[in-house]
Amino acid sequence: MRSGARAAVIGAVFAAMVGVAGCGGGQDGSAGSKDGAGAGSGDDKPVVKKVKTGPPSAAEVKATARDFLAAWSAGEAGKAAALTDDEKAAAAALTAYREAAHIGKVALTAGQRTGRTVPFTVNARISYGGRQVPWTYESALTVTRDKTTGAAVVDWKPSVVHPKLRAGDALKTGPAGTPPVKAVDRDGAELRAADHPTLKAILDGLRERYGKKAGGTAGVETWISRAKGSKTPDETLKVLTKGKPGTLRTTIDAKLQTTAERAVNKRSKAAVVAIKPSTGEVLAVANSPAQGFNTAFQGSYAPGSTMKVITSALLIDKGLAGYGKPHPCPKYFSYGGWKFQNDDKFEIKGGRFEQSFARSCNTAFISQAPKLADDDLTKEARDVFGIGLNWKTGISSFDGAVPVQSAASKGASLIGQGGVRMNPLNMASVSATVASGVFRQPYLVSPSLDGRTLAKAARGLKPGTRQQLKSLMKLTATSGTAAQAMSGMSGDFGAKTGSAEVDGQKEPNGWFTAYRGDLAAAAVVPQGGHGGDSAGPIVASVLRAG
């Protein structure tokens, strides 16, 4: 540019800047008015756009779902993610859907809207290793309103991509890291999820842990890789090419398993475990609902009065109670600032310990709390019954908890409340320990397969203590709270009921643990009420079939 023209331009720019600086007419010579308003007449005001609130309209739900599904179908992950309330997470998941799961094409068809939720059908095509495999499934999305922008957006959750995905999970396609397994029962009969739906999660867990050891070869699959630290095993969703399964022998008894499944299916929610006391082998494990959480092995509930089996062992060991000995069972007993009472506030005047056990008298046990150290119950549970040790069953399990507690909580622990937590696996093991006299850690797969070491308790039951426990449980099963469920039972048997109160829950959780010969079982029915009525028939049916 020539110098003269350049000078003219600079001068014009300078004049323009002066003109801008001079507008506004402030009395103090500033660029704005005295009250901070912008340039222009006093009538000019900033325009504030109102953000929409409230639930999205039907039209907004329909339009948002349509646009989101269209962008996803077109492979435009960023565009689809921008229509959600978590753009970053949605973009990552939708990108991984194409790349990690190898979904080459996907057609999404919206179904009939219900409120803010829109179901849709996924017709995908998995492209891997030169193969094109169709994959169809159902999912759903929910439309919400973005609090910042007011726009209608998809309420993002991993389950939008696939209904079984949870936070931290990943959808993948490729050579399965673990070969398939053909799980068989103790007699060699194949255990299939189609025949035993409640075993599906357990079979998945066994495959994850033992697939490579069972001698099979992996195929190509689309699967859910669970979040790090998850107790839920990975899950195969689609098999592209089948691998060669290895055979894995379990301790399950297929016939007893079927009986257990039928028993829990009579309840909307229940779980049961059966164990062989002489070995620790798990013979059956069933949950209702079948596809739900594995309550039988991983549940963590207050066991209620079934805990009195362990508490009785402690009191007998310490000479504080005994079969045939007088034992108080008052209506109330106060300890640690709490006032404890019995069911319906009953009492047994001049009663003996076996009567208190058979009728499940709470105060008979809590009244002994002042004579016990805070860690006595914890030690008895661990050192004799193996509770809280590191059990290695073959799949993930919760191995019970009896924490050291004091004052009122210590009293509550004696009757299976407070901080005590168990599941049917733990309580079946308690009855098995009484039946055999020694804790034998329950397991589903022989430790000889992988060389793992099973948990061992520090000592067995003292002969005199064991005999008294068996007598206490026999009395309970013949004329106590467990008598109705165990009616007609013969041979060497015993039982204990439990009803665990839960804050905010109308009905208590029903518990029942029992043994008959070389078979022990326990069940829990959440919100089932009295254990003898709810969990009792489940356990009794398993014992009769054994």
Protein backbone atom coordinates (compact mmCIF):
# COMPACT_ATOMS: atom_id res chain seq x y z
CA MET A 1 0.00 0.00 0.00
CA ARG A 2 1.26 3.39 -0.76
CA SER A 3 2.23 5.70 2.18
CA GLY A 4 -0.34 8.43 1.47
CA ALA A 5 -3.24 6.03 1.28
CA ARG A 6 -2.03 4.28 4.41
CA ALA A 7 -2.01 7.61 6.33
CA ALA A 8 -5.55 8.39 5.18
CA VAL A 9 -6.83 5.02 6.40
CA ILE A 10 -5.16 5.38 9.79
CA GLY A 11 -6.67 8.81 10.20
CA ALA A 12 -10.12 7.55 9.35
CA VAL A 13 -9.82 4.73 11.88
CA PHE A 14 -8.68 7.17 14.56
CA ALA A 15 -11.64 9.47 13.85
CA ALA A 16 -14.03 6.57 14.08
CA MET A 17 -12.58 5.54 17.45
CA VAL A 18 -13.00 9.08 18.79
CA GLY A 19 -16.59 9.09 17.56
CA VAL A 20 -17.37 5.90 19.43
CA ALA A 21 -15.67 7.13 22.58
CA GLY A 22 -17.67 10.33 22.51
CA CYS A 23 -21.12 8.80 22.32
CA GLY A 24 -23.26 8.20 25.40
CA GLY A 25 -23.24 11.75 26.80
CA GLY A 26 -22.27 10.84 30.34
CA GLN A 27 -21.92 13.87 32.65
CA ASP A 28 -18.54 12.69 33.91
CA GLY A 29 -17.25 12.17 30.36
CA SER A 30 -17.37 8.33 30.62
CA ALA A 31 -18.43 6.12 27.76
CA GLY A 32 -21.67 5.00 29.43
CA SER A 33 -24.51 6.55 31.35
CA LYS A 34 -24.28 7.18 35.06
CA ASP A 35 -26.56 4.28 35.96
CA GLY A 36 -24.58 1.78 33.86
CA ALA A 37 -27.08 1.51 30.99
CA GLY A 38 -25.72 0.93 27.48
CA ALA A 39 -25.51 3.50 24.70
CA GLY A 40 -28.67 4.81 23.14
CA SER A 41 -31.84 6.34 24.47
CA GLY A 42 -33.01 5.82 28.03
CA ASP A 43 -35.78 3.54 26.77
CA ASP A 44 -33.33 0.83 25.56
CA LYS A 45 -33.12 -2.21 27.95
CA PRO A 46 -31.16 -5.51 27.70
CA VAL A 47 -33.25 -8.33 26.24
CA VAL A 48 -33.38 -11.40 28.58
CA LYS A 49 -34.47 -14.62 26.91
CA LYS A 50 -36.76 -16.68 29.14
CA VAL A 51 -35.62 -20.29 29.67
CA LYS A 52 -38.36 -22.89 29.37
CA THR A 53 -39.18 -24.94 32.44
CA GLY A 54 -41.41 -27.86 33.25
CA PRO A 55 -41.66 -31.25 31.59
CA PRO A 56 -41.26 -31.44 27.80
CA SER A 57 -44.47 -31.45 25.77
CA ALA A 58 -45.53 -34.45 23.72
CA ALA A 59 -44.41 -32.67 20.56
CA GLU A 60 -40.99 -31.92 22.07
CA VAL A 61 -40.56 -35.54 23.18
CA LYS A 62 -41.44 -36.81 19.72
CA ALA A 63 -39.18 -34.33 17.91
CA THR A 64 -36.20 -34.85 20.23
CA ALA A 65 -36.42 -38.64 19.98
CA ARG A 66 -36.77 -38.44 16.19
CA ASP A 67 -33.75 -36.17 15.77
CA PHE A 68 -31.59 -38.14 18.20
CA LEU A 69 -32.36 -41.51 16.59
CA ALA A 70 -31.85 -40.07 13.10
CA ALA A 71 -28.41 -38.69 13.99
CA TRP A 72 -27.40 -41.96 15.68
CA SER A 73 -28.57 -43.99 12.68
CA ALA A 74 -26.56 -41.74 10.35
CA GLY A 75 -23.40 -42.32 12.36
CA GLU A 76 -23.29 -38.69 13.46
CA ALA A 77 -22.25 -39.33 17.08
CA GLY A 78 -21.47 -35.70 17.85
CA LYS A 79 -24.80 -34.46 16.52
CA ALA A 80 -26.73 -37.11 18.44
CA ALA A 81 -24.75 -36.43 21.63
CA ALA A 82 -25.55 -32.70 21.37
CA LEU A 83 -29.20 -33.64 21.78
CA THR A 84 -28.55 -35.16 25.25
CA ASP A 85 -27.97 -33.72 28.71
CA ASP A 86 -24.47 -35.29 28.89
CA GLU A 87 -22.85 -34.58 25.55
CA LYS A 88 -19.39 -35.85 26.50
CA ALA A 89 -20.54 -39.24 27.83
CA ALA A 90 -23.03 -39.74 25.00
CA ALA A 91 -20.45 -38.93 22.32
CA ALA A 92 -17.97 -41.40 23.83
CA ALA A 93 -20.58 -44.17 24.06
CA LEU A 94 -21.99 -43.65 20.55
CA THR A 95 -18.50 -43.49 19.06
CA ALA A 96 -17.52 -46.71 20.87
CA TYR A 97 -20.71 -48.30 19.55
CA ARG A 98 -19.31 -47.92 16.04
CA GLU A 99 -15.65 -48.51 16.79
CA ALA A 100 -15.29 -50.89 19.77
CA ALA A 101 -18.51 -52.82 19.13
CA HIS A 102 -17.96 -52.69 15.35
CA ILE A 103 -21.53 -51.75 14.49
CA GLY A 104 -21.27 -50.93 10.80
CA LYS A 105 -24.88 -49.96 10.19
CA VAL A 106 -27.81 -49.33 12.49
CA ALA A 107 -31.48 -48.59 11.83
CA LEU A 108 -33.51 -47.24 14.76
CA THR A 109 -37.30 -47.33 14.74
CA ALA A 110 -39.24 -45.42 17.38
CA GLY A 111 -42.21 -47.10 19.02
CA GLN A 112 -45.28 -45.71 20.80
CA ARG A 113 -44.40 -42.96 23.27
CA THR A 114 -45.43 -43.39 26.92
CA GLY A 115 -45.17 -40.07 28.68
CA ARG A 116 -41.59 -38.86 28.24
CA THR A 117 -40.27 -42.32 27.35
CA VAL A 118 -39.88 -43.53 23.79
CA PRO A 119 -39.09 -47.21 23.13
CA PHE A 120 -37.23 -48.07 19.97
CA THR A 121 -36.08 -51.09 18.02
CA VAL A 122 -32.43 -51.46 17.06
CA ASN A 123 -31.64 -53.29 13.82
CA ALA A 124 -27.86 -53.31 13.75
CA ARG A 125 -25.26 -54.99 11.60
CA ILE A 126 -22.05 -56.09 13.29
CA SER A 127 -19.07 -55.92 10.92
CA TYR A 128 -16.08 -57.92 12.08
CA GLY A 129 -13.44 -60.05 10.36
CA GLY A 130 -15.17 -59.82 7.00
CA ARG A 131 -18.47 -61.03 8.48
CA GLN A 132 -21.75 -59.10 8.52
CA VAL A 133 -23.97 -60.35 11.35
CA PRO A 134 -27.45 -58.88 11.98
CA TRP A 135 -28.37 -58.00 15.56
CA THR A 136 -31.79 -56.86 16.74
CA TYR A 137 -32.81 -55.74 20.21
CA GLU A 138 -35.10 -53.30 22.02
CA SER A 139 -34.14 -50.20 24.00
CA ALA A 140 -35.70 -46.94 25.17
CA LEU A 141 -34.88 -43.31 25.86
CA THR A 142 -36.43 -40.65 28.06
CA VAL A 143 -36.66 -36.97 27.16
CA THR A 144 -36.06 -34.35 29.83
CA ARG A 145 -35.60 -30.58 29.93
CA ASP A 146 -32.13 -29.10 30.14
CA LYS A 147 -32.09 -26.84 33.20
CA THR A 148 -29.61 -24.41 31.67
CA THR A 149 -30.92 -23.99 28.13
CA GLY A 150 -34.51 -25.08 28.60
CA ALA A 151 -34.23 -27.30 25.53
CA ALA A 152 -35.79 -30.74 25.35
CA VAL A 153 -32.95 -33.29 25.40
CA VAL A 154 -32.41 -37.02 25.86
CA ASP A 155 -31.79 -37.99 29.50
CA TRP A 156 -28.51 -39.77 28.85
CA LYS A 157 -27.85 -43.16 30.38
CA PRO A 158 -25.68 -46.05 29.10
CA SER A 159 -28.87 -48.13 28.86
CA VAL A 160 -29.96 -46.02 25.89
CA VAL A 161 -27.29 -47.80 23.83
CA HIS A 162 -28.27 -51.21 25.23
CA PRO A 163 -30.68 -51.89 28.13
CA LYS A 164 -28.12 -54.03 30.01
CA LEU A 165 -25.36 -51.40 29.99
CA ARG A 166 -24.59 -49.61 33.25
CA ALA A 167 -22.21 -46.81 34.20
CA GLY A 168 -18.62 -47.78 33.49
CA ASP A 169 -19.55 -50.74 31.27
CA ALA A 170 -18.29 -51.04 27.69
CA LEU A 171 -19.80 -52.75 24.64
CA LYS A 172 -17.19 -54.70 22.67
CA THR A 173 -16.89 -57.04 19.70
CA GLY A 174 -13.93 -59.30 19.06
CA PRO A 175 -12.33 -62.60 20.03
CA ALA A 176 -13.88 -63.50 23.35
CA GLY A 177 -11.20 -63.21 26.00
CA THR A 178 -12.63 -66.26 27.74
CA PRO A 179 -13.60 -69.49 25.97
CA PRO A 180 -17.13 -70.79 26.51
CA VAL A 181 -17.69 -73.56 29.03
CA LYS A 182 -20.03 -76.49 29.18
CA ALA A 183 -20.95 -76.51 32.86
CA VAL A 184 -22.15 -79.85 34.17
CA ASP A 185 -23.59 -80.91 37.51
CA ARG A 186 -21.99 -83.35 39.93
CA ASP A 187 -23.25 -86.31 37.86
CA GLY A 188 -22.23 -84.92 34.47
CA ALA A 189 -25.61 -83.53 33.37
CA GLU A 190 -25.25 -80.26 31.43
CA LEU A 191 -26.41 -77.12 33.23
CA ARG A 192 -27.90 -74.71 30.71
CA ALA A 193 -29.34 -71.28 31.43
CA ALA A 194 -32.33 -72.23 29.26
CA ASP A 195 -33.18 -75.02 31.69
CA HIS A 196 -32.10 -73.20 34.85
CA PRO A 197 -32.63 -69.44 34.28
CA THR A 198 -31.60 -68.56 37.81
CA LEU A 199 -28.13 -70.02 37.12
CA LYS A 200 -27.39 -67.68 34.20
CA ALA A 201 -25.37 -65.12 36.19
CA ILE A 202 -23.60 -67.94 38.03
CA LEU A 203 -22.71 -69.73 34.80
CA ASP A 204 -21.41 -66.43 33.37
CA GLY A 205 -19.28 -65.99 36.49
CA LEU A 206 -17.92 -69.52 36.23
CA ARG A 207 -17.05 -69.01 32.57
CA GLU A 208 -15.26 -65.75 33.34
CA ARG A 209 -13.14 -67.41 36.03
CA TYR A 210 -12.62 -70.90 34.62
CA GLY A 211 -13.11 -70.67 30.85
CA LYS A 212 -9.39 -70.81 30.09
CA LYS A 213 -8.78 -73.55 32.65
CA ALA A 214 -11.56 -75.74 31.27
CA GLY A 215 -9.69 -76.30 27.98
CA GLY A 216 -11.96 -74.57 25.46
CA THR A 217 -11.14 -72.13 22.66
CA ALA A 218 -12.65 -68.67 22.32
CA GLY A 219 -15.01 -67.58 19.55
CA VAL A 220 -15.93 -64.08 18.34
CA GLU A 221 -18.62 -62.30 20.30
CA THR A 222 -20.26 -58.99 21.11
CA TRP A 223 -20.30 -58.62 24.86
CA ILE A 224 -20.63 -56.24 27.79
CA SER A 225 -17.31 -55.65 29.51
CA ARG A 226 -18.31 -54.72 33.04
CA ALA A 227 -16.90 -51.71 34.89
CA LYS A 228 -13.70 -52.26 36.83
CA GLY A 229 -14.47 -53.60 40.30
CA SER A 230 -17.97 -54.77 39.34
CA LYS A 231 -19.13 -58.02 40.95
CA THR A 232 -21.34 -58.70 37.93
CA PRO A 233 -19.62 -60.90 35.34
CA ASP A 234 -19.18 -59.88 31.70
CA GLU A 235 -22.16 -60.87 29.58
CA THR A 236 -22.26 -62.17 26.01
CA LEU A 237 -24.95 -60.50 23.91
CA LYS A 238 -24.28 -61.93 20.45
CA VAL A 239 -22.17 -64.83 19.24
CA LEU A 240 -20.64 -64.21 15.81
CA THR A 241 -18.61 -67.40 15.65
CA LYS A 242 -18.82 -70.16 18.20
CA GLY A 243 -15.79 -71.17 20.18
CA LYS A 244 -15.13 -74.67 21.44
CA PRO A 245 -16.37 -75.04 25.04
CA GLY A 246 -14.39 -76.80 27.70
CA THR A 247 -16.21 -78.94 30.27
CA LEU A 248 -16.48 -77.56 33.80
CA ARG A 249 -17.76 -79.85 36.53
CA THR A 250 -19.65 -78.12 39.33
CA THR A 251 -21.02 -79.33 42.66
CA ILE A 252 -24.63 -78.58 41.67
CA ASP A 253 -27.23 -81.34 41.81
CA ALA A 254 -29.48 -80.66 38.79
CA LYS A 255 -32.58 -82.29 40.31
CA LEU A 256 -32.22 -80.43 43.60
CA GLN A 257 -31.53 -77.24 41.63
CA THR A 258 -34.86 -77.62 39.85
CA THR A 259 -36.64 -78.09 43.18
CA ALA A 260 -34.96 -74.96 44.59
CA GLU A 261 -35.96 -72.91 41.54
CA ARG A 262 -39.57 -73.99 41.77
CA ALA A 263 -39.64 -73.17 45.46
CA VAL A 264 -38.34 -69.59 45.13
CA ASN A 265 -40.50 -68.93 42.07
CA LYS A 266 -43.56 -69.05 44.32
CA ARG A 267 -42.37 -65.70 45.67
CA SER A 268 -41.76 -62.48 43.73
CA LYS A 269 -38.45 -62.15 45.55
CA ALA A 270 -36.58 -64.90 47.41
CA ALA A 271 -33.29 -66.78 47.50
CA VAL A 272 -32.15 -70.19 48.74
CA VAL A 273 -28.89 -72.15 48.98
CA ALA A 274 -28.39 -75.85 49.76
CA ILE A 275 -25.07 -77.28 51.01
CA LYS A 276 -23.66 -80.74 51.74
CA PRO A 277 -22.35 -80.38 55.34
CA SER A 278 -19.82 -83.21 55.11
CA THR A 279 -17.97 -81.54 52.23
CA GLY A 280 -19.12 -77.91 51.85
CA GLU A 281 -20.30 -78.55 48.28
CA VAL A 282 -23.08 -76.23 47.11
CA LEU A 283 -25.86 -78.46 45.74
CA ALA A 284 -28.35 -75.78 44.72
CA VAL A 285 -28.62 -72.00 44.50
CA ALA A 286 -31.71 -70.17 43.28
CA ASN A 287 -32.98 -66.61 43.17
CA SER A 288 -36.28 -65.00 42.31
CA PRO A 289 -36.46 -63.11 40.02
CA ALA A 290 -34.20 -65.40 37.98
CA GLN A 291 -32.46 -62.58 36.09
CA GLY A 292 -32.09 -60.35 39.12
CA PHE A 293 -29.32 -59.82 41.67
CA ASN A 294 -27.65 -62.95 43.07
CA THR A 295 -29.06 -62.47 46.57
CA ALA A 296 -28.25 -66.07 47.48
CA PHE A 297 -24.48 -65.49 47.26
CA GLN A 298 -24.05 -61.72 47.30
CA GLY A 299 -26.93 -60.42 49.41
CA SER A 300 -26.25 -58.53 52.63
CA TYR A 301 -29.19 -58.61 55.03
CA ALA A 302 -29.69 -58.61 58.79
CA PRO A 303 -30.41 -62.31 59.48
CA GLY A 304 -32.74 -61.75 62.41
CA SER A 305 -33.22 -64.61 64.84
CA THR A 306 -31.43 -67.19 62.68
CA MET A 307 -28.34 -65.51 64.20
CA LYS A 308 -29.36 -67.03 67.54
CA VAL A 309 -27.74 -70.29 66.41
CA ILE A 310 -24.33 -68.57 66.58
CA THR A 311 -25.26 -66.59 69.69
CA SER A 312 -26.38 -69.80 71.44
CA ALA A 313 -23.05 -71.43 70.63
CA LEU A 314 -21.30 -68.47 72.25
CA LEU A 315 -23.50 -68.52 75.38
CA ILE A 316 -23.12 -72.29 75.78
CA ASP A 317 -19.34 -72.07 75.31
CA LYS A 318 -19.17 -69.44 78.05
CA GLY A 319 -21.48 -71.27 80.42
CA LEU A 320 -24.12 -68.52 80.24
CA ALA A 321 -26.87 -70.80 78.87
CA GLY A 322 -27.60 -74.46 78.34
CA TYR A 323 -30.26 -76.91 77.26
CA GLY A 324 -32.46 -77.70 80.28
CA LYS A 325 -31.12 -74.80 82.32
CA PRO A 326 -33.33 -72.00 83.71
CA HIS A 327 -33.08 -68.83 81.61
CA PRO A 328 -34.98 -65.53 81.90
CA CYS A 329 -37.34 -64.45 79.10
CA PRO A 330 -38.95 -61.19 80.32
CA LYS A 331 -41.25 -59.00 78.23
CA TYR A 332 -38.63 -56.27 78.11
CA PHE A 333 -34.93 -55.80 78.68
CA SER A 334 -33.10 -52.48 78.58
CA TYR A 335 -29.48 -52.30 77.55
CA GLY A 336 -27.27 -49.54 76.20
CA GLY A 337 -30.08 -47.02 76.28
CA TRP A 338 -32.48 -49.17 74.23
CA LYS A 339 -35.54 -51.00 75.44
CA PHE A 340 -35.84 -54.38 73.71
CA GLN A 341 -38.97 -56.54 73.60
CA ASN A 342 -40.25 -59.84 72.23
CA ASP A 343 -42.70 -60.39 69.39
CA ASP A 344 -46.15 -59.47 70.75
CA LYS A 345 -44.36 -58.70 74.06
CA PHE A 346 -44.58 -62.32 75.22
CA GLU A 347 -42.65 -63.66 78.21
CA ILE A 348 -41.81 -67.09 79.56
CA LYS A 349 -42.08 -67.12 83.32
CA GLY A 350 -39.69 -69.56 84.96
CA GLY A 351 -38.64 -70.76 81.52
CA ARG A 352 -35.62 -72.71 80.37
CA PHE A 353 -33.13 -71.83 77.64
CA GLU A 354 -34.49 -74.31 75.08
CA GLN A 355 -37.94 -72.74 75.39
CA SER A 356 -36.49 -69.30 74.73
CA PHE A 357 -34.66 -70.62 71.66
CA ALA A 358 -37.64 -72.53 70.27
CA ARG A 359 -39.99 -69.55 70.69
CA SER A 360 -37.27 -67.09 69.62
CA CYS A 361 -37.26 -64.96 72.77
CA ASN A 362 -35.18 -61.83 72.10
CA THR A 363 -34.76 -60.71 75.69
CA ALA A 364 -33.36 -64.11 76.72
CA PHE A 365 -30.35 -63.41 74.51
CA ILE A 366 -30.00 -59.64 74.95
CA SER A 367 -30.08 -60.06 78.73
CA GLN A 368 -26.68 -61.76 78.45
CA ALA A 369 -25.05 -58.78 76.70
CA PRO A 370 -23.68 -57.21 79.92
CA LYS A 371 -21.71 -60.41 80.56
CA LEU A 372 -20.06 -60.45 77.12
CA ALA A 373 -17.07 -58.57 75.74
CA ASP A 374 -17.71 -56.42 72.69
CA ASP A 375 -15.80 -58.79 70.39
CA ASP A 376 -17.07 -62.13 71.76
CA LEU A 377 -19.77 -62.60 69.11
CA THR A 378 -17.40 -61.57 66.31
CA LYS A 379 -14.84 -64.16 67.41
CA GLU A 380 -17.41 -66.95 67.75
CA ALA A 381 -18.83 -66.24 64.29
CA ARG A 382 -15.38 -66.14 62.68
CA ASP A 383 -13.45 -68.78 64.61
CA VAL A 384 -16.17 -71.44 64.69
CA PHE A 385 -18.57 -70.68 61.82
CA GLY A 386 -16.12 -69.08 59.35
CA ILE A 387 -18.18 -65.91 59.00
CA GLY A 388 -16.17 -63.02 57.56
CA LEU A 389 -13.28 -65.14 56.33
CA ASN A 390 -12.26 -64.95 52.67
CA TRP A 391 -14.45 -67.61 51.06
CA LYS A 392 -13.41 -68.80 47.61
CA THR A 393 -16.55 -70.44 46.31
CA GLY A 394 -15.72 -70.25 42.60
CA ILE A 395 -17.71 -67.06 41.99
CA SER A 396 -18.00 -63.73 43.78
CA SER A 397 -19.68 -63.98 47.18
CA PHE A 398 -20.35 -61.92 50.31
CA ASP A 399 -19.02 -63.96 53.20
CA GLY A 400 -20.99 -62.49 56.08
CA ALA A 401 -20.16 -59.76 58.60
CA VAL A 402 -20.39 -59.69 62.40
CA PRO A 403 -18.62 -56.46 63.34
CA VAL A 404 -17.43 -55.63 66.84
CA GLN A 405 -20.11 -53.47 68.43
CA SER A 406 -20.89 -52.03 71.84
CA ALA A 407 -23.80 -50.92 73.99
CA ALA A 408 -27.24 -51.22 72.34
CA SER A 409 -25.80 -52.30 68.99
CA LYS A 410 -24.03 -55.20 70.72
CA GLY A 411 -27.35 -56.27 72.21
CA ALA A 412 -29.06 -56.05 68.82
CA SER A 413 -26.30 -58.12 67.20
CA LEU A 414 -27.09 -61.04 69.49
CA ILE A 415 -30.49 -61.36 67.78
CA GLY A 416 -29.21 -60.75 64.24
CA GLN A 417 -29.89 -57.04 63.99
CA GLY A 418 -27.47 -54.12 64.45
CA GLY A 419 -24.54 -54.40 62.07
CA VAL A 420 -24.78 -58.17 61.43
CA ARG A 421 -25.18 -59.02 57.73
CA MET A 422 -25.73 -62.41 56.06
CA ASN A 423 -27.15 -64.11 52.98
CA PRO A 424 -28.58 -67.61 52.37
CA LEU A 425 -25.12 -68.97 51.53
CA ASN A 426 -23.82 -67.86 54.94
CA MET A 427 -26.83 -69.10 56.89
CA ALA A 428 -26.94 -72.46 55.09
CA SER A 429 -23.30 -72.83 56.11
CA VAL A 430 -24.22 -72.09 59.75
CA SER A 431 -26.69 -75.00 59.78
CA ALA A 432 -24.16 -77.17 57.94
CA THR A 433 -21.59 -76.42 60.65
CA VAL A 434 -24.05 -77.51 63.34
CA ALA A 435 -24.88 -80.67 61.40
CA SER A 436 -21.26 -81.72 60.89
CA GLY A 437 -19.58 -80.02 63.85
CA VAL A 438 -16.96 -78.33 61.62
CA PHE A 439 -17.05 -75.34 59.27
CA ARG A 440 -16.37 -76.46 55.72
CA GLN A 441 -16.23 -73.55 53.33
CA PRO A 442 -18.97 -73.80 50.70
CA TYR A 443 -17.83 -74.04 47.09
CA LEU A 444 -19.25 -74.51 43.57
CA VAL A 445 -16.10 -75.71 41.82
CA SER A 446 -13.51 -78.06 43.30
CA PRO A 447 -10.38 -76.25 44.50
CA SER A 448 -8.33 -78.91 42.74
CA LEU A 449 -9.13 -77.23 39.40
CA ASP A 450 -7.22 -74.04 40.17
CA GLY A 451 -5.31 -74.84 43.35
CA ARG A 452 -7.08 -72.24 45.46
CA THR A 453 -7.11 -72.61 49.24
CA LEU A 454 -10.51 -72.75 50.95
CA ALA A 455 -11.12 -70.78 54.12
CA LYS A 456 -10.75 -72.64 57.40
CA ALA A 457 -12.14 -71.76 60.81
CA ALA A 458 -9.82 -71.72 63.82
CA ARG A 459 -11.71 -74.51 65.60
CA GLY A 460 -14.72 -76.78 65.37
CA LEU A 461 -17.73 -76.79 67.64
CA LYS A 462 -17.11 -78.27 71.05
CA PRO A 463 -18.85 -81.67 71.18
CA GLY A 464 -21.11 -80.62 74.04
CA THR A 465 -22.00 -77.32 72.37
CA ARG A 466 -22.78 -79.01 69.08
CA GLN A 467 -25.05 -81.57 70.74
CA GLN A 468 -26.98 -78.84 72.55
CA LEU A 469 -27.35 -76.80 69.35
CA LYS A 470 -28.74 -79.83 67.54
CA SER A 471 -31.19 -80.41 70.38
CA LEU A 472 -32.24 -76.75 70.34
CA MET A 473 -32.82 -76.77 66.58
CA LYS A 474 -34.66 -80.13 66.74
CA LEU A 475 -37.03 -78.76 69.38
CA THR A 476 -37.64 -75.65 67.27
CA ALA A 477 -38.41 -77.83 64.24
CA THR A 478 -40.81 -80.11 66.11
CA SER A 479 -42.63 -77.82 68.54
CA GLY A 480 -41.29 -74.30 68.06
CA THR A 481 -41.52 -71.54 65.44
CA ALA A 482 -40.27 -73.86 62.66
CA ALA A 483 -42.65 -76.76 63.37
CA GLN A 484 -45.26 -75.97 60.72
CA ALA A 485 -42.75 -75.75 57.87
CA MET A 486 -40.86 -78.87 59.02
CA SER A 487 -43.98 -80.93 59.68
CA GLY A 488 -43.56 -84.59 58.75
CA MET A 489 -39.76 -84.39 58.57
CA SER A 490 -37.94 -87.49 59.78
CA GLY A 491 -34.42 -88.48 60.72
CA ASP A 492 -31.74 -86.13 62.07
CA PHE A 493 -33.02 -82.59 61.48
CA GLY A 494 -33.30 -79.15 63.05
CA ALA A 495 -34.22 -75.58 62.14
CA LYS A 496 -34.33 -71.94 63.21
CA THR A 497 -36.58 -69.12 62.02
CA GLY A 498 -35.89 -65.41 61.77
CA SER A 499 -37.71 -62.17 61.06
CA ALA A 500 -35.46 -59.15 60.58
CA GLU A 501 -36.94 -55.69 61.01
CA VAL A 502 -35.90 -53.05 58.46
CA ASP A 503 -36.54 -49.32 58.93
CA GLY A 504 -39.21 -48.01 56.59
CA GLN A 505 -40.32 -51.52 55.63
CA LYS A 506 -43.85 -52.63 56.49
CA GLU A 507 -43.05 -56.33 56.75
CA PRO A 508 -39.80 -57.82 58.08
CA ASN A 509 -37.50 -60.00 55.99
CA GLY A 510 -38.33 -63.65 56.55
CA TRP A 511 -35.45 -66.09 57.25
CA PHE A 512 -35.18 -69.85 57.73
CA THR A 513 -32.14 -72.10 58.17
CA ALA A 514 -32.23 -75.85 58.70
CA TYR A 515 -30.55 -79.20 58.10
CA ARG A 516 -31.63 -82.77 57.57
CA GLY A 517 -29.04 -85.52 57.50
CA ASP A 518 -26.21 -84.47 55.17
CA LEU A 519 -28.11 -81.57 53.66
CA ALA A 520 -28.40 -78.00 54.96
CA ALA A 521 -30.29 -75.07 53.45
CA ALA A 522 -31.27 -71.48 54.16
CA ALA A 523 -33.58 -68.97 52.50
CA VAL A 524 -34.55 -65.33 52.78
CA VAL A 525 -37.76 -63.69 51.57
CA PRO A 526 -37.40 -59.89 51.63
CA GLN A 527 -40.53 -58.33 53.16
CA GLY A 528 -41.89 -61.83 53.57
CA GLY A 529 -42.99 -61.47 57.18
CA HIS A 530 -42.47 -64.30 59.65
CA GLY A 531 -39.67 -66.60 58.50
CA GLY A 532 -41.54 -69.78 59.34
CA ASP A 533 -44.35 -68.81 56.99
CA SER A 534 -42.35 -67.30 54.10
CA ALA A 535 -38.85 -68.80 53.94
CA GLY A 536 -39.71 -71.99 55.82
CA PRO A 537 -41.64 -73.77 53.03
CA ILE A 538 -38.80 -73.02 50.57
CA VAL A 539 -36.16 -74.62 52.76
CA ALA A 540 -38.40 -77.53 53.75
CA SER A 541 -39.14 -78.40 50.10
CA VAL A 542 -35.41 -78.50 49.34
CA LEU A 543 -34.66 -80.68 52.38
CA ARG A 544 -37.45 -83.12 51.47
CA ALA A 545 -36.11 -83.45 47.92
CA GLY A 546 -32.53 -84.06 49.04
